[in-house]
Amino acid sequence: MGTQIPIGNLDFSGYEYHGISEDLVNVLKTKTQSENVGFFRILVAYYMAKIAATMRTNIETHDRGRIPVNVYALNLAPSGTGKGYATFILEDSIINPFKEIFMQDTFQVTTEKTLRALAIQRAAGDMEAEIVEHDRALAEFESCGPMLFSFDSGTTPAVKQMRQKLLMAGSGSMSMEIDEIGSNLLQNTDILTTFLELYDVGRVKEKLIKHTTESKRIRAIDGKTPANMMLFGTPNKLFEDSKLEDELLSMIDTGFGRRCIFGYSRAALTADLLNAEDLYTALTDTSIDVKLKKLSDHMASLAEISFFNINLKMSKATHIELLSYK
């Protein structure tokens, strides 16, 4: 992953990496003393896309209309590459400050606005008072349970319930992050199948159940809910067990192959430091913490309402490159 590899007739050797994401990659390299930049680049790309998806950033395409930002990734690397520590740094210093502002401010504002609009729409259709419909919508919203910023497993009915909550909130995204995927793949096949359907436009078909007093069907809301997925761990477990490998290859053939970005590292790459004193100097370099704090503040600021629901127009040149890749 550290080397630029031509894909078909495409050569990416002349391209530069995104500045902020590469700054984060360099912070992770220093903090972990690992040179496995391929793993770090995919990890950083996932978390940056997760922030954009949570804020409902959209891409205006030339042929498919407006689609939400999302990312699916399978990122494998052997033990000793700093996977756990790098993930902790990004969660603690990048995601958590963003999450705090988003949940306390933006999520509350968008939820109230969306529920008000929903109440007006339902009141007109049901000939009920707006306040009555608002109270019903709020009760339905609360019945969906708390908003999970991320989760490591689940069921298809739970995904659909969370999606209903996100539709009623008008913001946020579903983010499934499974560590040690080799040990957790088989017990998550159902939810992974659901995520196949959610990719791109964030839609999934509802299951028809009998409507009774005790078990009521929810009122469907038309809309898109971005879904993100990160599967990571060591490659050994996945490829040393024939059943696991067959299941993984089946998933890739079924649709994850064209939905995921992939990282695969065969060996742990460590920084070439001469001795323990050099290592100590590198690990205690305060300039790295200053840079990380600056990046953390920048990412946290993206949770503010002014950055919500931004539409980014895809350029013609980018679209042509995408078609060449396809």
C-alpha atoms as a PDB file:
ATOM      1  CA  MET A   1       0.000   0.000   0.000  1.00  0.00           C
ATOM      2  CA  GLY A   2       2.961   2.321   0.388  1.00  0.00           C
ATOM      3  CA  THR A   3       3.738   2.030  -3.346  1.00  0.00           C
ATOM      4  CA  GLN A   4       1.697   3.588  -6.122  1.00  0.00           C
ATOM      5  CA  ILE A   5       0.318   0.750  -8.269  1.00  0.00           C
ATOM      6  CA  PRO A   6      -1.109   1.423 -11.757  1.00  0.00           C
ATOM      7  CA  ILE A   7      -4.685   0.151 -12.179  1.00  0.00           C
ATOM      8  CA  GLY A   8      -5.382  -0.779 -15.773  1.00  0.00           C
ATOM      9  CA  ASN A   9      -4.187   2.189 -17.816  1.00  0.00           C
ATOM     10  CA  LEU A  10      -4.325   4.548 -14.834  1.00  0.00           C
ATOM     11  CA  ASP A  11      -1.120   5.726 -13.178  1.00  0.00           C
ATOM     12  CA  PHE A  12      -1.541   7.541  -9.856  1.00  0.00           C
ATOM     13  CA  SER A  13       2.162   8.255  -9.339  1.00  0.00           C
ATOM     14  CA  GLY A  14       1.705  11.943 -10.159  1.00  0.00           C
ATOM     15  CA  TYR A  15      -1.061  12.505  -7.605  1.00  0.00           C
ATOM     16  CA  GLU A  16      -0.540  13.990  -4.164  1.00  0.00           C
ATOM     17  CA  TYR A  17      -2.298  12.762  -1.026  1.00  0.00           C
ATOM     18  CA  HIS A  18      -4.845  15.006   0.666  1.00  0.00           C
ATOM     19  CA  GLY A  19      -2.970  17.379   2.974  1.00  0.00           C
ATOM     20  CA  ILE A  20      -4.960  17.014   6.205  1.00  0.00           C
ATOM     21  CA  SER A  21      -5.358  13.248   5.881  1.00  0.00           C
ATOM     22  CA  GLU A  22      -1.637  12.834   5.225  1.00  0.00           C
ATOM     23  CA  ASP A  23      -0.859  15.016   8.262  1.00  0.00           C
ATOM     24  CA  LEU A  24      -2.906  12.558  10.332  1.00  0.00           C
ATOM     25  CA  VAL A  25      -1.104   9.613   8.753  1.00  0.00           C
ATOM     26  CA  ASN A  26       2.252  11.145   9.704  1.00  0.00           C
ATOM     27  CA  VAL A  27       1.050  11.677  13.283  1.00  0.00           C
ATOM     28  CA  LEU A  28       0.058   8.005  13.463  1.00  0.00           C
ATOM     29  CA  LYS A  29       3.429   6.953  12.044  1.00  0.00           C
ATOM     30  CA  THR A  30       5.256   8.870  14.756  1.00  0.00           C
ATOM     31  CA  LYS A  31       2.972   7.811  17.585  1.00  0.00           C
ATOM     32  CA  THR A  32       3.034   4.114  16.682  1.00  0.00           C
ATOM     33  CA  GLN A  33       6.547   4.017  15.219  1.00  0.00           C
ATOM     34  CA  SER A  34       5.130   1.986  12.362  1.00  0.00           C
ATOM     35  CA  GLU A  35       5.767   2.643   8.678  1.00  0.00           C
ATOM     36  CA  ASN A  36       2.620   0.856   7.570  1.00  0.00           C
ATOM     37  CA  VAL A  37       1.211   3.937   5.838  1.00  0.00           C
ATOM     38  CA  GLY A  38      -1.177   1.903   3.688  1.00  0.00           C
ATOM     39  CA  PHE A  39      -3.125   0.758   6.726  1.00  0.00           C
ATOM     40  CA  PHE A  40      -3.084   4.251   8.245  1.00  0.00           C
ATOM     41  CA  ARG A  41      -4.272   5.939   5.039  1.00  0.00           C
ATOM     42  CA  ILE A  42      -7.332   3.722   4.792  1.00  0.00           C
ATOM     43  CA  LEU A  43      -8.021   4.130   8.524  1.00  0.00           C
ATOM     44  CA  VAL A  44      -7.824   7.930   8.251  1.00  0.00           C
ATOM     45  CA  ALA A  45      -9.952   7.943   5.082  1.00  0.00           C
ATOM     46  CA  TYR A  46     -12.619   5.951   6.904  1.00  0.00           C
ATOM     47  CA  TYR A  47     -12.836   8.314   9.869  1.00  0.00           C
ATOM     48  CA  MET A  48     -12.813  11.437   7.702  1.00  0.00           C
ATOM     49  CA  ALA A  49     -15.602   9.991   5.544  1.00  0.00           C
ATOM     50  CA  LYS A  50     -17.491   9.047   8.709  1.00  0.00           C
ATOM     51  CA  ILE A  51     -17.424  12.684   9.801  1.00  0.00           C
ATOM     52  CA  ALA A  52     -18.689  13.802   6.385  1.00  0.00           C
ATOM     53  CA  ALA A  53     -21.426  11.145   6.358  1.00  0.00           C
ATOM     54  CA  THR A  54     -22.559  12.081   9.865  1.00  0.00           C
ATOM     55  CA  MET A  55     -22.943  15.680   8.706  1.00  0.00           C
ATOM     56  CA  ARG A  56     -24.883  14.444   5.641  1.00  0.00           C
ATOM     57  CA  THR A  57     -22.404  15.733   3.080  1.00  0.00           C
ATOM     58  CA  ASN A  58     -23.580  14.901  -0.448  1.00  0.00           C
ATOM     59  CA  ILE A  59     -21.872  14.504  -3.803  1.00  0.00           C
ATOM     60  CA  GLU A  60     -23.565  15.959  -6.883  1.00  0.00           C
ATOM     61  CA  THR A  61     -22.736  13.447  -9.618  1.00  0.00           C
ATOM     62  CA  HIS A  62     -23.168  13.901 -13.350  1.00  0.00           C
ATOM     63  CA  ASP A  63     -25.145  10.726 -13.995  1.00  0.00           C
ATOM     64  CA  ARG A  64     -26.659   9.543 -10.691  1.00  0.00           C
ATOM     65  CA  GLY A  65     -27.871  12.741  -9.104  1.00  0.00           C
ATOM     66  CA  ARG A  66     -27.106  13.514  -5.460  1.00  0.00           C
ATOM     67  CA  ILE A  67     -25.655  10.694  -3.355  1.00  0.00           C
ATOM     68  CA  PRO A  68     -24.527  10.727   0.280  1.00  0.00           C
ATOM     69  CA  VAL A  69     -20.896  10.327   1.293  1.00  0.00           C
ATOM     70  CA  ASN A  70     -20.073   6.943   2.774  1.00  0.00           C
ATOM     71  CA  VAL A  71     -17.206   4.445   2.936  1.00  0.00           C
ATOM     72  CA  TYR A  72     -16.810   0.683   3.311  1.00  0.00           C
ATOM     73  CA  ALA A  73     -13.325  -0.662   4.035  1.00  0.00           C
ATOM     74  CA  LEU A  74     -11.593  -3.962   4.743  1.00  0.00           C
ATOM     75  CA  ASN A  75      -8.206  -3.183   6.267  1.00  0.00           C
ATOM     76  CA  LEU A  76      -5.925  -6.055   7.229  1.00  0.00           C
ATOM     77  CA  ALA A  77      -2.464  -5.908   8.782  1.00  0.00           C
ATOM     78  CA  PRO A  78      -0.413  -8.251  10.956  1.00  0.00           C
ATOM     79  CA  SER A  79       0.067  -7.855  14.669  1.00  0.00           C
ATOM     80  CA  GLY A  80       2.574  -5.158  15.538  1.00  0.00           C
ATOM     81  CA  THR A  81       1.503  -2.541  12.987  1.00  0.00           C
ATOM     82  CA  GLY A  82      -0.119  -0.257  15.542  1.00  0.00           C
ATOM     83  CA  LYS A  83      -3.727  -1.000  14.533  1.00  0.00           C
ATOM     84  CA  GLY A  84      -5.160  -0.712  18.034  1.00  0.00           C
ATOM     85  CA  TYR A  85      -3.135   2.315  19.085  1.00  0.00           C
ATOM     86  CA  ALA A  86      -3.799   4.169  15.829  1.00  0.00           C
ATOM     87  CA  THR A  87      -7.524   3.500  16.145  1.00  0.00           C
ATOM     88  CA  PHE A  88      -7.483   4.735  19.749  1.00  0.00           C
ATOM     89  CA  ILE A  89      -5.711   7.959  18.721  1.00  0.00           C
ATOM     90  CA  LEU A  90      -8.244   8.684  15.991  1.00  0.00           C
ATOM     91  CA  GLU A  91     -11.217   7.825  18.206  1.00  0.00           C
ATOM     92  CA  ASP A  92      -9.953   9.777  21.231  1.00  0.00           C
ATOM     93  CA  SER A  93      -8.468  12.833  19.526  1.00  0.00           C
ATOM     94  CA  ILE A  94     -10.453  13.150  16.289  1.00  0.00           C
ATOM     95  CA  ILE A  95     -13.846  11.435  16.547  1.00  0.00           C
ATOM     96  CA  ASN A  96     -14.777  12.032  20.212  1.00  0.00           C
ATOM     97  CA  PRO A  97     -14.369  15.865  20.126  1.00  0.00           C
ATOM     98  CA  PHE A  98     -16.408  15.927  16.902  1.00  0.00           C
ATOM     99  CA  LYS A  99     -18.995  13.557  18.371  1.00  0.00           C
ATOM    100  CA  GLU A 100     -19.465  15.688  21.497  1.00  0.00           C
ATOM    101  CA  ILE A 101     -20.304  18.827  19.515  1.00  0.00           C
ATOM    102  CA  PHE A 102     -22.439  16.951  17.003  1.00  0.00           C
ATOM    103  CA  MET A 103     -24.560  15.112  19.584  1.00  0.00           C
ATOM    104  CA  GLN A 104     -25.037  18.111  21.880  1.00  0.00           C
ATOM    105  CA  ASP A 105     -25.779  20.688  19.205  1.00  0.00           C
ATOM    106  CA  THR A 106     -26.230  19.706  15.557  1.00  0.00           C
ATOM    107  CA  PHE A 107     -28.106  16.457  16.178  1.00  0.00           C
ATOM    108  CA  GLN A 108     -30.550  18.215  18.523  1.00  0.00           C
ATOM    109  CA  VAL A 109     -31.196  21.068  16.073  1.00  0.00           C
ATOM    110  CA  THR A 110     -31.747  18.816  13.055  1.00  0.00           C
ATOM    111  CA  THR A 111     -33.955  16.424  15.031  1.00  0.00           C
ATOM    112  CA  GLU A 112     -36.313  19.162  16.203  1.00  0.00           C
ATOM    113  CA  LYS A 113     -36.495  20.652  12.705  1.00  0.00           C
ATOM    114  CA  THR A 114     -37.176  17.269  11.074  1.00  0.00           C
ATOM    115  CA  LEU A 115     -39.796  16.226  13.635  1.00  0.00           C
ATOM    116  CA  ARG A 116     -41.616  19.560  13.183  1.00  0.00           C
ATOM    117  CA  ALA A 117     -41.687  19.068   9.407  1.00  0.00           C
ATOM    118  CA  LEU A 118     -42.836  15.480   9.836  1.00  0.00           C
ATOM    119  CA  ALA A 119     -45.620  16.574  12.198  1.00  0.00           C
ATOM    120  CA  ILE A 120     -46.868  19.160   9.693  1.00  0.00           C
ATOM    121  CA  GLN A 121     -46.856  16.562   6.895  1.00  0.00           C
ATOM    122  CA  ARG A 122     -48.670  13.937   8.938  1.00  0.00           C
ATOM    123  CA  ALA A 123     -51.174  16.444  10.343  1.00  0.00           C
ATOM    124  CA  ALA A 124     -52.189  17.413   6.819  1.00  0.00           C
ATOM    125  CA  GLY A 125     -52.591  13.782   5.802  1.00  0.00           C
ATOM    126  CA  ASP A 126     -54.304  12.491   8.971  1.00  0.00           C
ATOM    127  CA  MET A 127     -56.416  15.591   9.678  1.00  0.00           C
ATOM    128  CA  GLU A 128     -54.923  15.761  13.172  1.00  0.00           C
ATOM    129  CA  ALA A 129     -53.609  18.722  15.137  1.00  0.00           C
ATOM    130  CA  GLU A 130     -49.949  19.437  14.508  1.00  0.00           C
ATOM    131  CA  ILE A 131     -49.108  19.259  18.225  1.00  0.00           C
ATOM    132  CA  VAL A 132     -50.668  15.788  18.441  1.00  0.00           C
ATOM    133  CA  GLU A 133     -48.646  14.532  15.484  1.00  0.00           C
ATOM    134  CA  HIS A 134     -45.499  16.113  16.911  1.00  0.00           C
ATOM    135  CA  ASP A 135     -45.972  14.311  20.224  1.00  0.00           C
ATOM    136  CA  ARG A 136     -46.543  11.031  18.366  1.00  0.00           C
ATOM    137  CA  ALA A 137     -43.449  11.544  16.221  1.00  0.00           C
ATOM    138  CA  LEU A 138     -41.364  12.375  19.280  1.00  0.00           C
ATOM    139  CA  ALA A 139     -42.609   9.240  21.050  1.00  0.00           C
ATOM    140  CA  GLU A 140     -41.777   7.165  17.976  1.00  0.00           C
ATOM    141  CA  PHE A 141     -38.325   8.750  17.811  1.00  0.00           C
ATOM    142  CA  GLU A 142     -37.640   7.939  21.468  1.00  0.00           C
ATOM    143  CA  SER A 143     -38.947   4.379  21.055  1.00  0.00           C
ATOM    144  CA  CYS A 144     -36.161   3.700  18.543  1.00  0.00           C
ATOM    145  CA  GLY A 145     -33.660   3.779  21.397  1.00  0.00           C
ATOM    146  CA  PRO A 146     -30.550   5.899  21.864  1.00  0.00           C
ATOM    147  CA  MET A 147     -28.497   7.074  18.925  1.00  0.00           C
ATOM    148  CA  LEU A 148     -25.406   4.876  18.501  1.00  0.00           C
ATOM    149  CA  PHE A 149     -22.515   6.748  16.926  1.00  0.00           C
ATOM    150  CA  SER A 150     -20.939   3.406  16.026  1.00  0.00           C
ATOM    151  CA  PHE A 151     -21.454  -0.286  16.783  1.00  0.00           C
ATOM    152  CA  ASP A 152     -19.474  -3.509  16.356  1.00  0.00           C
ATOM    153  CA  SER A 153     -22.296  -5.979  15.697  1.00  0.00           C
ATOM    154  CA  GLY A 154     -26.059  -6.096  15.409  1.00  0.00           C
ATOM    155  CA  THR A 155     -29.127  -7.521  13.712  1.00  0.00           C
ATOM    156  CA  THR A 156     -31.031  -6.536  10.595  1.00  0.00           C
ATOM    157  CA  PRO A 157     -34.158  -5.429  12.564  1.00  0.00           C
ATOM    158  CA  ALA A 158     -31.929  -3.257  14.782  1.00  0.00           C
ATOM    159  CA  VAL A 159     -30.310  -1.668  11.721  1.00  0.00           C
ATOM    160  CA  LYS A 160     -33.735  -0.814  10.319  1.00  0.00           C
ATOM    161  CA  GLN A 161     -34.803   0.636  13.670  1.00  0.00           C
ATOM    162  CA  MET A 162     -31.655   2.767  13.840  1.00  0.00           C
ATOM    163  CA  ARG A 163     -32.242   3.866  10.267  1.00  0.00           C
ATOM    164  CA  GLN A 164     -35.757   5.006  11.232  1.00  0.00           C
ATOM    165  CA  LYS A 165     -34.275   7.082  14.044  1.00  0.00           C
ATOM    166  CA  LEU A 166     -31.763   8.680  11.672  1.00  0.00           C
ATOM    167  CA  LEU A 167     -34.534   9.469   9.178  1.00  0.00           C
ATOM    168  CA  MET A 168     -36.538  11.132  11.939  1.00  0.00           C
ATOM    169  CA  ALA A 169     -33.447  13.032  13.111  1.00  0.00           C
ATOM    170  CA  GLY A 170     -32.502  14.146   9.619  1.00  0.00           C
ATOM    171  CA  SER A 171     -28.798  13.733  10.392  1.00  0.00           C
ATOM    172  CA  GLY A 172     -26.184  11.213  11.456  1.00  0.00           C
ATOM    173  CA  SER A 173     -25.057   7.959   9.888  1.00  0.00           C
ATOM    174  CA  MET A 174     -24.783   4.262  10.701  1.00  0.00           C
ATOM    175  CA  SER A 175     -21.219   3.146  11.284  1.00  0.00           C
ATOM    176  CA  MET A 176     -20.383  -0.509  11.848  1.00  0.00           C
ATOM    177  CA  GLU A 177     -16.799  -1.068  12.959  1.00  0.00           C
ATOM    178  CA  ILE A 178     -15.764  -4.695  13.525  1.00  0.00           C
ATOM    179  CA  ASP A 179     -12.319  -5.410  14.960  1.00  0.00           C
ATOM    180  CA  GLU A 180     -10.707  -8.839  14.681  1.00  0.00           C
ATOM    181  CA  ILE A 181     -12.900  -9.576  11.684  1.00  0.00           C
ATOM    182  CA  GLY A 182     -11.428 -13.065  11.387  1.00  0.00           C
ATOM    183  CA  SER A 183     -13.001 -14.000  14.726  1.00  0.00           C
ATOM    184  CA  ASN A 184     -16.245 -12.093  14.138  1.00  0.00           C
ATOM    185  CA  LEU A 185     -17.082 -12.637  10.480  1.00  0.00           C
ATOM    186  CA  LEU A 186     -19.370 -15.651  10.653  1.00  0.00           C
ATOM    187  CA  GLN A 187     -21.628 -14.334  13.426  1.00  0.00           C
ATOM    188  CA  ASN A 188     -22.205 -11.094  11.517  1.00  0.00           C
ATOM    189  CA  THR A 189     -23.169 -12.449   8.095  1.00  0.00           C
ATOM    190  CA  ASP A 190     -26.802 -11.281   8.388  1.00  0.00           C
ATOM    191  CA  ILE A 191     -25.976  -7.670   9.192  1.00  0.00           C
ATOM    192  CA  LEU A 192     -23.233  -7.638   6.543  1.00  0.00           C
ATOM    193  CA  THR A 193     -25.835  -8.701   3.976  1.00  0.00           C
ATOM    194  CA  THR A 194     -28.018  -5.785   5.079  1.00  0.00           C
ATOM    195  CA  PHE A 195     -25.079  -3.415   4.673  1.00  0.00           C
ATOM    196  CA  LEU A 196     -24.701  -4.613   1.086  1.00  0.00           C
ATOM    197  CA  GLU A 197     -28.149  -3.132   0.445  1.00  0.00           C
ATOM    198  CA  LEU A 198     -27.436   0.062   2.382  1.00  0.00           C
ATOM    199  CA  TYR A 199     -24.356   1.012   0.386  1.00  0.00           C
ATOM    200  CA  ASP A 200     -24.360   4.177  -1.739  1.00  0.00           C
ATOM    201  CA  VAL A 201     -27.822   5.651  -1.254  1.00  0.00           C
ATOM    202  CA  GLY A 202     -28.545   4.335   2.240  1.00  0.00           C
ATOM    203  CA  ARG A 203     -31.826   2.590   1.514  1.00  0.00           C
ATOM    204  CA  VAL A 204     -33.061  -0.822   2.616  1.00  0.00           C
ATOM    205  CA  LYS A 205     -36.364  -2.644   2.020  1.00  0.00           C
ATOM    206  CA  GLU A 206     -38.691  -3.061   4.979  1.00  0.00           C
ATOM    207  CA  LYS A 207     -39.896  -6.479   6.099  1.00  0.00           C
ATOM    208  CA  LEU A 208     -43.647  -6.998   6.009  1.00  0.00           C
ATOM    209  CA  ILE A 209     -44.862  -7.975   9.475  1.00  0.00           C
ATOM    210  CA  LYS A 210     -48.377  -8.391  10.783  1.00  0.00           C
ATOM    211  CA  HIS A 211     -49.686  -5.181  12.337  1.00  0.00           C
ATOM    212  CA  THR A 212     -51.269  -5.797  15.750  1.00  0.00           C
ATOM    213  CA  THR A 213     -51.898  -3.840  18.938  1.00  0.00           C
ATOM    214  CA  GLU A 214     -48.843  -5.441  20.496  1.00  0.00           C
ATOM    215  CA  SER A 215     -46.638  -5.300  17.403  1.00  0.00           C
ATOM    216  CA  LYS A 216     -47.156  -2.230  15.243  1.00  0.00           C
ATOM    217  CA  ARG A 217     -45.436  -1.518  11.964  1.00  0.00           C
ATOM    218  CA  ILE A 218     -43.581   1.762  11.904  1.00  0.00           C
ATOM    219  CA  ARG A 219     -44.674   4.482   9.502  1.00  0.00           C
ATOM    220  CA  ALA A 220     -42.191   4.416   6.653  1.00  0.00           C
ATOM    221  CA  ILE A 221     -40.240   7.602   5.942  1.00  0.00           C
ATOM    222  CA  ASP A 222     -38.696   8.096   2.526  1.00  0.00           C
ATOM    223  CA  GLY A 223     -35.095   9.195   2.659  1.00  0.00           C
ATOM    224  CA  LYS A 224     -31.419   8.323   2.620  1.00  0.00           C
ATOM    225  CA  THR A 225     -29.253   7.370   5.599  1.00  0.00           C
ATOM    226  CA  PRO A 226     -25.502   7.062   4.992  1.00  0.00           C
ATOM    227  CA  ALA A 227     -23.906   3.800   6.125  1.00  0.00           C
ATOM    228  CA  ASN A 228     -20.208   3.288   6.853  1.00  0.00           C
ATOM    229  CA  MET A 229     -18.350   0.059   7.546  1.00  0.00           C
ATOM    230  CA  MET A 230     -14.839  -0.693   8.735  1.00  0.00           C
ATOM    231  CA  LEU A 231     -13.672  -4.298   9.017  1.00  0.00           C
ATOM    232  CA  PHE A 232     -10.137  -4.701  10.275  1.00  0.00           C
ATOM    233  CA  GLY A 233      -7.837  -7.186  11.923  1.00  0.00           C
ATOM    234  CA  THR A 234      -5.027  -9.578  11.061  1.00  0.00           C
ATOM    235  CA  PRO A 235      -5.049 -11.478   7.750  1.00  0.00           C
ATOM    236  CA  ASN A 236      -3.868 -14.754   9.312  1.00  0.00           C
ATOM    237  CA  LYS A 237      -7.211 -15.691  10.844  1.00  0.00           C
ATOM    238  CA  LEU A 238      -9.139 -15.025   7.652  1.00  0.00           C
ATOM    239  CA  PHE A 239      -6.880 -16.939   5.286  1.00  0.00           C
ATOM    240  CA  GLU A 240      -5.776 -19.876   7.439  1.00  0.00           C
ATOM    241  CA  ASP A 241      -9.330 -21.168   7.909  1.00  0.00           C
ATOM    242  CA  SER A 242     -10.893 -22.463   4.691  1.00  0.00           C
ATOM    243  CA  LYS A 243     -14.456 -21.814   5.907  1.00  0.00           C
ATOM    244  CA  LEU A 244     -13.664 -18.199   6.787  1.00  0.00           C
ATOM    245  CA  GLU A 245     -11.788 -17.652   3.541  1.00  0.00           C
ATOM    246  CA  ASP A 246     -14.664 -19.090   1.504  1.00  0.00           C
ATOM    247  CA  GLU A 247     -17.138 -16.837   3.345  1.00  0.00           C
ATOM    248  CA  LEU A 248     -14.960 -13.779   2.759  1.00  0.00           C
ATOM    249  CA  LEU A 249     -14.522 -14.533  -0.942  1.00  0.00           C
ATOM    250  CA  SER A 250     -18.270 -15.102  -1.230  1.00  0.00           C
ATOM    251  CA  MET A 251     -18.885 -11.681   0.342  1.00  0.00           C
ATOM    252  CA  ILE A 252     -16.443 -10.074  -2.083  1.00  0.00           C
ATOM    253  CA  ASP A 253     -18.097 -11.777  -5.079  1.00  0.00           C
ATOM    254  CA  THR A 254     -21.582 -10.877  -3.852  1.00  0.00           C
ATOM    255  CA  GLY A 255     -20.869  -7.156  -3.886  1.00  0.00           C
ATOM    256  CA  PHE A 256     -18.349  -6.068  -1.287  1.00  0.00           C
ATOM    257  CA  GLY A 257     -15.606  -6.290  -3.896  1.00  0.00           C
ATOM    258  CA  ARG A 258     -16.847  -3.179  -5.673  1.00  0.00           C
ATOM    259  CA  ARG A 259     -18.049  -1.462  -2.520  1.00  0.00           C
ATOM    260  CA  CYS A 260     -14.958  -1.676  -0.328  1.00  0.00           C
ATOM    261  CA  ILE A 261     -11.570  -0.070  -0.330  1.00  0.00           C
ATOM    262  CA  PHE A 262      -8.991  -2.679   0.648  1.00  0.00           C
ATOM    263  CA  GLY A 263      -5.794  -2.674   2.643  1.00  0.00           C
ATOM    264  CA  TYR A 264      -3.621  -5.769   2.982  1.00  0.00           C
ATOM    265  CA  SER A 265      -0.207  -5.737   4.633  1.00  0.00           C
ATOM    266  CA  ARG A 266       1.903  -8.877   4.781  1.00  0.00           C
ATOM    267  CA  ALA A 267       4.507  -7.717   7.293  1.00  0.00           C
ATOM    268  CA  ALA A 268       4.866  -5.266  10.143  1.00  0.00           C
ATOM    269  CA  LEU A 269       6.993  -2.304   9.060  1.00  0.00           C
ATOM    270  CA  THR A 270       8.676  -0.427  11.892  1.00  0.00           C
ATOM    271  CA  ALA A 271      10.538   2.837  11.847  1.00  0.00           C
ATOM    272  CA  ASP A 272      14.305   2.482  11.444  1.00  0.00           C
ATOM    273  CA  LEU A 273      15.456   3.863  14.803  1.00  0.00           C
ATOM    274  CA  LEU A 274      18.937   3.119  16.065  1.00  0.00           C
ATOM    275  CA  ASN A 275      18.325   2.671  19.774  1.00  0.00           C
ATOM    276  CA  ALA A 276      15.903   3.082  22.674  1.00  0.00           C
ATOM    277  CA  GLU A 277      16.960   6.684  23.236  1.00  0.00           C
ATOM    278  CA  ASP A 278      16.004   7.606  19.667  1.00  0.00           C
ATOM    279  CA  LEU A 279      12.688   5.852  20.184  1.00  0.00           C
ATOM    280  CA  TYR A 280      12.077   7.775  23.426  1.00  0.00           C
ATOM    281  CA  THR A 281      12.839  11.071  21.680  1.00  0.00           C
ATOM    282  CA  ALA A 282      10.411  10.283  18.881  1.00  0.00           C
ATOM    283  CA  LEU A 283       7.611   9.167  21.210  1.00  0.00           C
ATOM    284  CA  THR A 284       7.910  12.209  23.499  1.00  0.00           C
ATOM    285  CA  ASP A 285       8.124  14.800  20.720  1.00  0.00           C
ATOM    286  CA  THR A 286       5.687  17.489  21.909  1.00  0.00           C
ATOM    287  CA  SER A 287       5.458  19.022  18.435  1.00  0.00           C
ATOM    288  CA  ILE A 288       3.478  15.941  17.369  1.00  0.00           C
ATOM    289  CA  ASP A 289       0.951  16.526  20.168  1.00  0.00           C
ATOM    290  CA  VAL A 290       0.620  20.172  19.114  1.00  0.00           C
ATOM    291  CA  LYS A 291      -0.072  19.079  15.533  1.00  0.00           C
ATOM    292  CA  LEU A 292      -2.571  16.472  16.716  1.00  0.00           C
ATOM    293  CA  LYS A 293      -4.404  19.052  18.851  1.00  0.00           C
ATOM    294  CA  LYS A 294      -4.639  21.404  15.865  1.00  0.00           C
ATOM    295  CA  LEU A 295      -6.054  18.609  13.700  1.00  0.00           C
ATOM    296  CA  SER A 296      -8.445  17.615  16.490  1.00  0.00           C
ATOM    297  CA  ASP A 297      -9.789  21.173  16.809  1.00  0.00           C
ATOM    298  CA  HIS A 298     -10.251  21.409  13.047  1.00  0.00           C
ATOM    299  CA  MET A 299     -12.184  18.141  12.837  1.00  0.00           C
ATOM    300  CA  ALA A 300     -14.321  19.050  15.862  1.00  0.00           C
ATOM    301  CA  SER A 301     -15.270  22.344  14.215  1.00  0.00           C
ATOM    302  CA  LEU A 302     -16.760  20.385  11.296  1.00  0.00           C
ATOM    303  CA  ALA A 303     -19.592  19.273  13.631  1.00  0.00           C
ATOM    304  CA  GLU A 304     -21.021  22.808  13.689  1.00  0.00           C
ATOM    305  CA  ILE A 305     -24.403  23.340  12.044  1.00  0.00           C
ATOM    306  CA  SER A 306     -22.896  25.620   9.372  1.00  0.00           C
ATOM    307  CA  PHE A 307     -21.220  22.562   7.824  1.00  0.00           C
ATOM    308  CA  PHE A 308     -24.390  20.475   7.789  1.00  0.00           C
ATOM    309  CA  ASN A 309     -25.869  19.107   4.530  1.00  0.00           C
ATOM    310  CA  ILE A 310     -23.215  20.547   2.232  1.00  0.00           C
ATOM    311  CA  ASN A 311     -23.348  19.521  -1.428  1.00  0.00           C
ATOM    312  CA  LEU A 312     -20.048  18.983  -3.240  1.00  0.00           C
ATOM    313  CA  LYS A 313     -20.166  18.961  -7.031  1.00  0.00           C
ATOM    314  CA  MET A 314     -18.077  16.327  -8.776  1.00  0.00           C
ATOM    315  CA  SER A 315     -15.909  17.848 -11.473  1.00  0.00           C
ATOM    316  CA  LYS A 316     -15.978  16.584 -15.056  1.00  0.00           C
ATOM    317  CA  ALA A 317     -12.326  15.526 -14.778  1.00  0.00           C
ATOM    318  CA  THR A 318     -13.047  13.477 -11.655  1.00  0.00           C
ATOM    319  CA  HIS A 319     -16.057  11.852 -13.294  1.00  0.00           C
ATOM    320  CA  ILE A 320     -13.967  10.881 -16.339  1.00  0.00           C
ATOM    321  CA  GLU A 321     -11.302   9.364 -14.047  1.00  0.00           C
ATOM    322  CA  LEU A 322     -14.040   7.437 -12.246  1.00  0.00           C
ATOM    323  CA  LEU A 323     -15.396   6.070 -15.525  1.00  0.00           C
ATOM    324  CA  SER A 324     -11.861   5.075 -16.567  1.00  0.00           C
ATOM    325  CA  TYR A 325     -11.440   3.209 -13.285  1.00  0.00           C
ATOM    326  CA  LYS A 326     -14.764   1.425 -13.727  1.00  0.00           C
END
